[in-house]
Amino acid sequence: MEDRVTLDGILLKCDQDPTKVRNPSDCENARIANERLATQRVDPEVEKRRQADFEKAREQLRLTQDKLRQEQEAKTKVDAYSLPVVPVDPTAAAKGAAPAAAPAPADPSGPPLAGNATH
């Protein structure tokens, strides 16, 4: 058993109430594993070096991921100031829009119009 949390849990159950343990061989195996793990001593210098290497690798990964994220954002971002300039022609804009109703010629036989009213 290399999972220390599970190992501690089994030992705790075995020590608190040995009658409720389903399999006594689990208790014996947990004790043996605990003794073996206790004999494996980790050199503090090796552990520090391992931790430093881990931190260095994590920082490199973070920088790489930040760079990729920034590149992706730069690709999807639209800068309005870098877009090509398109000249606006008012007549072309009017042609693209719905045609405006042309004023009807004044018909003398019809009802008087507001602008042509004679009073």
Protein backbone atom coordinates (compact mmCIF):
# COMPACT_ATOMS: atom_id res chain seq x y z
CA MET A 1 0.00 0.00 0.00
CA GLU A 2 1.48 3.29 -1.04
CA ASP A 3 -1.52 5.51 -0.38
CA ARG A 4 -0.79 6.93 3.05
CA VAL A 5 -4.32 8.25 3.58
CA THR A 6 -5.90 4.84 3.00
CA LEU A 7 -3.20 3.22 5.08
CA ASP A 8 -3.82 5.60 7.98
CA GLY A 9 -7.56 5.02 7.72
CA ILE A 10 -7.17 1.26 7.90
CA LEU A 11 -4.79 1.51 10.85
CA LEU A 12 -7.18 3.85 12.62
CA LYS A 13 -10.07 1.40 12.21
CA CYS A 14 -7.91 -1.50 13.35
CA ASP A 15 -6.70 0.36 16.43
CA GLN A 16 -10.08 1.79 17.49
CA ASP A 17 -12.25 -1.31 17.27
CA PRO A 18 -10.56 -4.53 16.14
CA THR A 19 -13.84 -6.48 16.41
CA LYS A 20 -15.46 -4.48 13.58
CA VAL A 21 -12.67 -5.15 11.10
CA ARG A 22 -13.92 -7.36 8.28
CA ASN A 23 -10.55 -8.80 7.35
CA PRO A 24 -7.77 -9.01 9.97
CA SER A 25 -5.19 -9.52 7.22
CA ASP A 26 -5.87 -5.91 6.09
CA CYS A 27 -4.73 -4.70 9.50
CA GLU A 28 -1.58 -6.80 9.34
CA ASN A 29 -0.82 -5.64 5.79
CA ALA A 30 -1.38 -2.03 6.80
CA ARG A 31 1.03 -2.36 9.72
CA ILE A 32 3.69 -3.93 7.50
CA ALA A 33 3.23 -1.23 4.87
CA ASN A 34 3.44 1.47 7.53
CA GLU A 35 6.73 0.02 8.81
CA ARG A 36 8.15 -0.10 5.29
CA LEU A 37 7.15 3.47 4.56
CA ALA A 38 8.68 4.57 7.84
CA THR A 39 12.00 2.97 6.89
CA GLN A 40 12.08 4.80 3.56
CA ARG A 41 13.73 8.02 4.54
CA VAL A 42 13.73 10.86 2.07
CA ASP A 43 16.84 12.98 2.02
CA PRO A 44 15.81 16.63 2.61
CA GLU A 45 18.26 17.85 -0.04
CA VAL A 46 16.83 15.48 -2.62
CA GLU A 47 13.33 16.55 -1.71
CA LYS A 48 14.26 20.24 -2.00
CA ARG A 49 15.86 19.65 -5.40
CA ARG A 50 12.82 17.67 -6.56
CA GLN A 51 10.50 20.44 -5.37
CA ALA A 52 12.61 23.12 -7.09
CA ASP A 53 12.58 21.14 -10.35
CA PHE A 54 8.84 20.76 -10.07
CA GLU A 55 8.34 24.49 -9.50
CA LYS A 56 10.61 25.32 -12.44
CA ALA A 57 8.72 22.95 -14.75
CA ARG A 58 5.39 24.34 -13.56
CA GLU A 59 6.53 27.92 -14.20
CA GLN A 60 7.70 26.98 -17.70
CA LEU A 61 4.36 25.32 -18.41
CA ARG A 62 2.48 28.36 -17.12
CA LEU A 63 4.54 30.72 -19.29
CA THR A 64 4.01 28.51 -22.35
CA GLN A 65 0.27 28.35 -21.75
CA ASP A 66 0.08 32.12 -21.20
CA LYS A 67 1.92 32.71 -24.46
CA LEU A 68 -0.42 30.38 -26.36
CA ARG A 69 -3.45 32.03 -24.78
CA GLN A 70 -2.22 35.50 -25.75
CA GLU A 71 -1.58 34.33 -29.32
CA GLN A 72 -5.09 32.92 -29.53
CA GLU A 73 -6.56 36.15 -28.17
CA ALA A 74 -4.54 38.17 -30.67
CA LYS A 75 -5.88 36.05 -33.52
CA THR A 76 -9.51 36.47 -32.51
CA LYS A 77 -9.30 40.12 -31.50
CA VAL A 78 -10.30 42.65 -34.17
CA ASP A 79 -8.52 45.98 -34.05
CA ALA A 80 -10.73 48.61 -35.63
CA TYR A 81 -7.72 50.81 -36.33
CA SER A 82 -6.01 48.17 -38.45
CA LEU A 83 -8.97 47.50 -40.73
CA PRO A 84 -8.75 48.79 -44.30
CA VAL A 85 -10.27 52.17 -44.96
CA VAL A 86 -13.24 52.09 -47.29
CA PRO A 87 -14.40 55.40 -48.73
CA VAL A 88 -18.05 56.16 -48.15
CA ASP A 89 -19.90 57.42 -51.22
CA PRO A 90 -23.25 58.95 -50.22
CA THR A 91 -24.86 58.10 -53.56
CA ALA A 92 -23.74 54.49 -53.30
CA ALA A 93 -25.10 54.34 -49.77
CA ALA A 94 -28.46 55.63 -50.98
CA LYS A 95 -28.52 53.03 -53.77
CA GLY A 96 -27.91 50.26 -51.28
CA ALA A 97 -30.71 51.53 -49.05
CA ALA A 98 -34.40 51.22 -49.84
CA PRO A 99 -35.31 53.65 -52.61
CA ALA A 100 -37.00 56.77 -51.31
CA ALA A 101 -40.44 57.55 -52.70
CA ALA A 102 -40.14 60.21 -55.38
CA PRO A 103 -42.49 63.14 -54.93
CA ALA A 104 -45.54 62.81 -57.14
CA PRO A 105 -46.12 65.54 -59.68
CA ALA A 106 -48.79 67.99 -58.72
CA ASP A 107 -52.09 66.88 -60.23
CA PRO A 108 -54.40 69.88 -60.68
CA SER A 109 -57.49 67.66 -60.83
CA GLY A 110 -56.81 65.94 -57.48
CA PRO A 111 -57.22 67.26 -53.99
CA PRO A 112 -54.91 70.05 -52.98
CA LEU A 113 -51.65 68.99 -51.38
CA ALA A 114 -50.35 70.55 -48.18
CA GLY A 115 -47.50 72.31 -49.95
CA ASN A 116 -49.68 73.36 -52.92
CA ALA A 117 -52.74 74.50 -51.04
CA THR A 118 -54.25 77.73 -52.27
CA HIS A 119 -56.46 79.45 -49.78
